[in-house]
Amino acid sequence: MDRLSTHVLDTAQGRPGAGMGYVLYRLEGEERILVAEGITTADGRAPAGLLPEAAYRPGRYQLVYRVADYFRAEGFDLPEPPFLDLVTLSFGLGQDVHYHVPLLVSPYGYTSYRGS
């Protein structure tokens, strides 16, 4: 069972955020430990679970999305520097359950929540 998944929705275009890069880190004190990285699929999801059972540890994590790269590849004319470049979501995992972290994003705003 995967403990963590993500799904990106491009709210500027009203469709899944296909092709967005992401990186997942586990935080241990001041150190960031790489857990997973990749690019979202055609439906805006990570191609595999981000945190398999064997790698799961309760604690603090960061999920970093490469938002500006994605929107530039989609043909958006972003200013330099872009308003949003990297979107970093910091969250804690504690319970023995599956966590889903969706990202709803445009070039000028985003939101996230704990999904199901």
C-alpha atoms as a PDB file:
ATOM      1  CA  MET A   1       0.000   0.000   0.000  1.00  0.00           C
ATOM      2  CA  ASP A   2       1.242   3.463  -0.848  1.00  0.00           C
ATOM      3  CA  ARG A   3       1.025   5.945   2.008  1.00  0.00           C
ATOM      4  CA  LEU A   4       1.046   9.142  -0.074  1.00  0.00           C
ATOM      5  CA  SER A   5      -0.264  10.243  -3.466  1.00  0.00           C
ATOM      6  CA  THR A   6      -0.687  13.556  -5.278  1.00  0.00           C
ATOM      7  CA  HIS A   7      -2.869  14.938  -8.044  1.00  0.00           C
ATOM      8  CA  VAL A   8      -2.295  18.267  -9.833  1.00  0.00           C
ATOM      9  CA  LEU A   9      -5.183  20.241 -11.314  1.00  0.00           C
ATOM     10  CA  ASP A  10      -4.377  23.147 -13.656  1.00  0.00           C
ATOM     11  CA  THR A  11      -7.108  25.628 -12.717  1.00  0.00           C
ATOM     12  CA  ALA A  12      -5.982  28.138 -15.374  1.00  0.00           C
ATOM     13  CA  GLN A  13      -6.891  25.699 -18.140  1.00  0.00           C
ATOM     14  CA  GLY A  14      -9.455  23.559 -16.356  1.00  0.00           C
ATOM     15  CA  ARG A  15      -7.658  20.255 -16.788  1.00  0.00           C
ATOM     16  CA  PRO A  16      -5.191  17.886 -15.107  1.00  0.00           C
ATOM     17  CA  GLY A  17      -1.666  19.235 -14.631  1.00  0.00           C
ATOM     18  CA  ALA A  18       0.027  16.690 -16.905  1.00  0.00           C
ATOM     19  CA  GLY A  19       3.805  16.942 -17.124  1.00  0.00           C
ATOM     20  CA  MET A  20       4.501  18.852 -13.897  1.00  0.00           C
ATOM     21  CA  GLY A  21       7.699  17.957 -12.096  1.00  0.00           C
ATOM     22  CA  TYR A  22       7.682  17.274  -8.369  1.00  0.00           C
ATOM     23  CA  VAL A  23      10.088  16.229  -5.606  1.00  0.00           C
ATOM     24  CA  LEU A  24       9.213  14.716  -2.211  1.00  0.00           C
ATOM     25  CA  TYR A  25      11.519  15.176   0.779  1.00  0.00           C
ATOM     26  CA  ARG A  26      11.375  13.828   4.324  1.00  0.00           C
ATOM     27  CA  LEU A  27      12.574  16.401   6.840  1.00  0.00           C
ATOM     28  CA  GLU A  28      14.895  15.322   9.610  1.00  0.00           C
ATOM     29  CA  GLY A  29      15.874  18.371  11.607  1.00  0.00           C
ATOM     30  CA  GLU A  30      17.342  20.816   9.097  1.00  0.00           C
ATOM     31  CA  GLU A  31      18.142  18.064   6.595  1.00  0.00           C
ATOM     32  CA  ARG A  32      15.949  17.271   3.559  1.00  0.00           C
ATOM     33  CA  ILE A  33      16.155  13.651   2.433  1.00  0.00           C
ATOM     34  CA  LEU A  34      15.021  12.864  -1.106  1.00  0.00           C
ATOM     35  CA  VAL A  35      12.228  10.271  -1.077  1.00  0.00           C
ATOM     36  CA  ALA A  36      10.759  10.494  -4.600  1.00  0.00           C
ATOM     37  CA  GLU A  37      10.719  12.644  -7.709  1.00  0.00           C
ATOM     38  CA  GLY A  38       9.027  12.518 -11.061  1.00  0.00           C
ATOM     39  CA  ILE A  39       6.612  14.067 -13.526  1.00  0.00           C
ATOM     40  CA  THR A  40       2.833  13.859 -13.387  1.00  0.00           C
ATOM     41  CA  THR A  41       1.003  11.649 -15.882  1.00  0.00           C
ATOM     42  CA  ALA A  42      -1.718  12.630 -18.365  1.00  0.00           C
ATOM     43  CA  ASP A  43      -4.288  12.602 -15.560  1.00  0.00           C
ATOM     44  CA  GLY A  44      -2.121  14.878 -13.372  1.00  0.00           C
ATOM     45  CA  ARG A  45      -1.094  12.160 -10.920  1.00  0.00           C
ATOM     46  CA  ALA A  46       2.270  10.851  -9.831  1.00  0.00           C
ATOM     47  CA  PRO A  47       2.911   7.717 -11.926  1.00  0.00           C
ATOM     48  CA  ALA A  48       3.359   5.634  -8.783  1.00  0.00           C
ATOM     49  CA  GLY A  49       2.676   6.194  -5.134  1.00  0.00           C
ATOM     50  CA  LEU A  50       5.021   8.728  -3.636  1.00  0.00           C
ATOM     51  CA  LEU A  51       5.655   6.908  -0.404  1.00  0.00           C
ATOM     52  CA  PRO A  52       5.504   3.109  -0.441  1.00  0.00           C
ATOM     53  CA  GLU A  53       4.836   1.198   2.752  1.00  0.00           C
ATOM     54  CA  ALA A  54       8.503   0.219   3.122  1.00  0.00           C
ATOM     55  CA  ALA A  55       9.652   3.873   3.039  1.00  0.00           C
ATOM     56  CA  TYR A  56       6.920   5.250   5.317  1.00  0.00           C
ATOM     57  CA  ARG A  57       7.981   6.997   8.513  1.00  0.00           C
ATOM     58  CA  PRO A  58       5.782   9.329  10.542  1.00  0.00           C
ATOM     59  CA  GLY A  59       7.196  12.834  10.436  1.00  0.00           C
ATOM     60  CA  ARG A  60       7.482  16.040   8.460  1.00  0.00           C
ATOM     61  CA  TYR A  61       7.619  16.110   4.653  1.00  0.00           C
ATOM     62  CA  GLN A  62       7.845  18.634   1.817  1.00  0.00           C
ATOM     63  CA  LEU A  63       6.373  18.187  -1.642  1.00  0.00           C
ATOM     64  CA  VAL A  64       7.865  20.647  -4.141  1.00  0.00           C
ATOM     65  CA  TYR A  65       6.127  21.265  -7.487  1.00  0.00           C
ATOM     66  CA  ARG A  66       7.866  22.910 -10.475  1.00  0.00           C
ATOM     67  CA  VAL A  67       5.002  25.242 -11.317  1.00  0.00           C
ATOM     68  CA  ALA A  68       6.715  27.868 -13.501  1.00  0.00           C
ATOM     69  CA  ASP A  69       8.412  25.232 -15.675  1.00  0.00           C
ATOM     70  CA  TYR A  70       5.037  23.571 -16.198  1.00  0.00           C
ATOM     71  CA  PHE A  71       3.192  26.766 -17.182  1.00  0.00           C
ATOM     72  CA  ARG A  72       5.993  27.896 -19.506  1.00  0.00           C
ATOM     73  CA  ALA A  73       5.839  24.487 -21.235  1.00  0.00           C
ATOM     74  CA  GLU A  74       2.067  25.029 -21.566  1.00  0.00           C
ATOM     75  CA  GLY A  75       2.739  28.276 -23.466  1.00  0.00           C
ATOM     76  CA  PHE A  76       2.072  30.820 -20.724  1.00  0.00           C
ATOM     77  CA  ASP A  77       4.088  34.033 -20.992  1.00  0.00           C
ATOM     78  CA  LEU A  78       5.273  34.346 -17.398  1.00  0.00           C
ATOM     79  CA  PRO A  79       7.171  37.359 -16.060  1.00  0.00           C
ATOM     80  CA  GLU A  80      10.763  36.993 -14.922  1.00  0.00           C
ATOM     81  CA  PRO A  81      10.901  36.139 -12.134  1.00  0.00           C
ATOM     82  CA  PRO A  82       7.565  34.322 -12.164  1.00  0.00           C
ATOM     83  CA  PHE A  83       5.107  35.008  -9.365  1.00  0.00           C
ATOM     84  CA  LEU A  84       5.041  31.268  -8.550  1.00  0.00           C
ATOM     85  CA  ASP A  85       8.116  29.252  -9.408  1.00  0.00           C
ATOM     86  CA  LEU A  86       8.350  26.352  -6.986  1.00  0.00           C
ATOM     87  CA  VAL A  87       5.338  25.586  -4.814  1.00  0.00           C
ATOM     88  CA  THR A  88       6.411  23.878  -1.602  1.00  0.00           C
ATOM     89  CA  LEU A  89       3.851  22.146   0.576  1.00  0.00           C
ATOM     90  CA  SER A  90       5.073  21.238   4.056  1.00  0.00           C
ATOM     91  CA  PHE A  91       2.986  18.711   5.974  1.00  0.00           C
ATOM     92  CA  GLY A  92       3.129  16.021   8.596  1.00  0.00           C
ATOM     93  CA  LEU A  93       2.289  12.333   8.288  1.00  0.00           C
ATOM     94  CA  GLY A  94       1.424  10.562  11.465  1.00  0.00           C
ATOM     95  CA  GLN A  95      -1.538   8.254  11.255  1.00  0.00           C
ATOM     96  CA  ASP A  96      -1.405   4.771   9.857  1.00  0.00           C
ATOM     97  CA  VAL A  97      -3.518   5.692   6.804  1.00  0.00           C
ATOM     98  CA  HIS A  98      -3.185   6.769   3.177  1.00  0.00           C
ATOM     99  CA  TYR A  99      -2.681  10.500   2.565  1.00  0.00           C
ATOM    100  CA  HIS A 100      -3.621  12.278  -0.663  1.00  0.00           C
ATOM    101  CA  VAL A 101      -2.198  15.772  -1.295  1.00  0.00           C
ATOM    102  CA  PRO A 102      -3.859  17.464  -4.281  1.00  0.00           C
ATOM    103  CA  LEU A 103      -2.572  20.726  -5.744  1.00  0.00           C
ATOM    104  CA  LEU A 104      -4.915  23.113  -7.554  1.00  0.00           C
ATOM    105  CA  VAL A 105      -2.738  25.678  -9.300  1.00  0.00           C
ATOM    106  CA  SER A 106      -2.585  28.562 -11.777  1.00  0.00           C
ATOM    107  CA  PRO A 107       0.362  30.878 -12.543  1.00  0.00           C
ATOM    108  CA  TYR A 108      -0.796  33.242  -9.777  1.00  0.00           C
ATOM    109  CA  GLY A 109      -2.293  31.101  -7.040  1.00  0.00           C
ATOM    110  CA  TYR A 110      -2.677  27.653  -5.556  1.00  0.00           C
ATOM    111  CA  THR A 111      -4.445  25.684  -2.881  1.00  0.00           C
ATOM    112  CA  SER A 112      -4.067  22.264  -1.358  1.00  0.00           C
ATOM    113  CA  TYR A 113      -5.783  20.132   1.236  1.00  0.00           C
ATOM    114  CA  ARG A 114      -5.712  16.644   2.676  1.00  0.00           C
ATOM    115  CA  GLY A 115      -7.717  14.587   0.238  1.00  0.00           C
ATOM    116  CA  SER A 116      -9.004  11.076   0.449  1.00  0.00           C
END
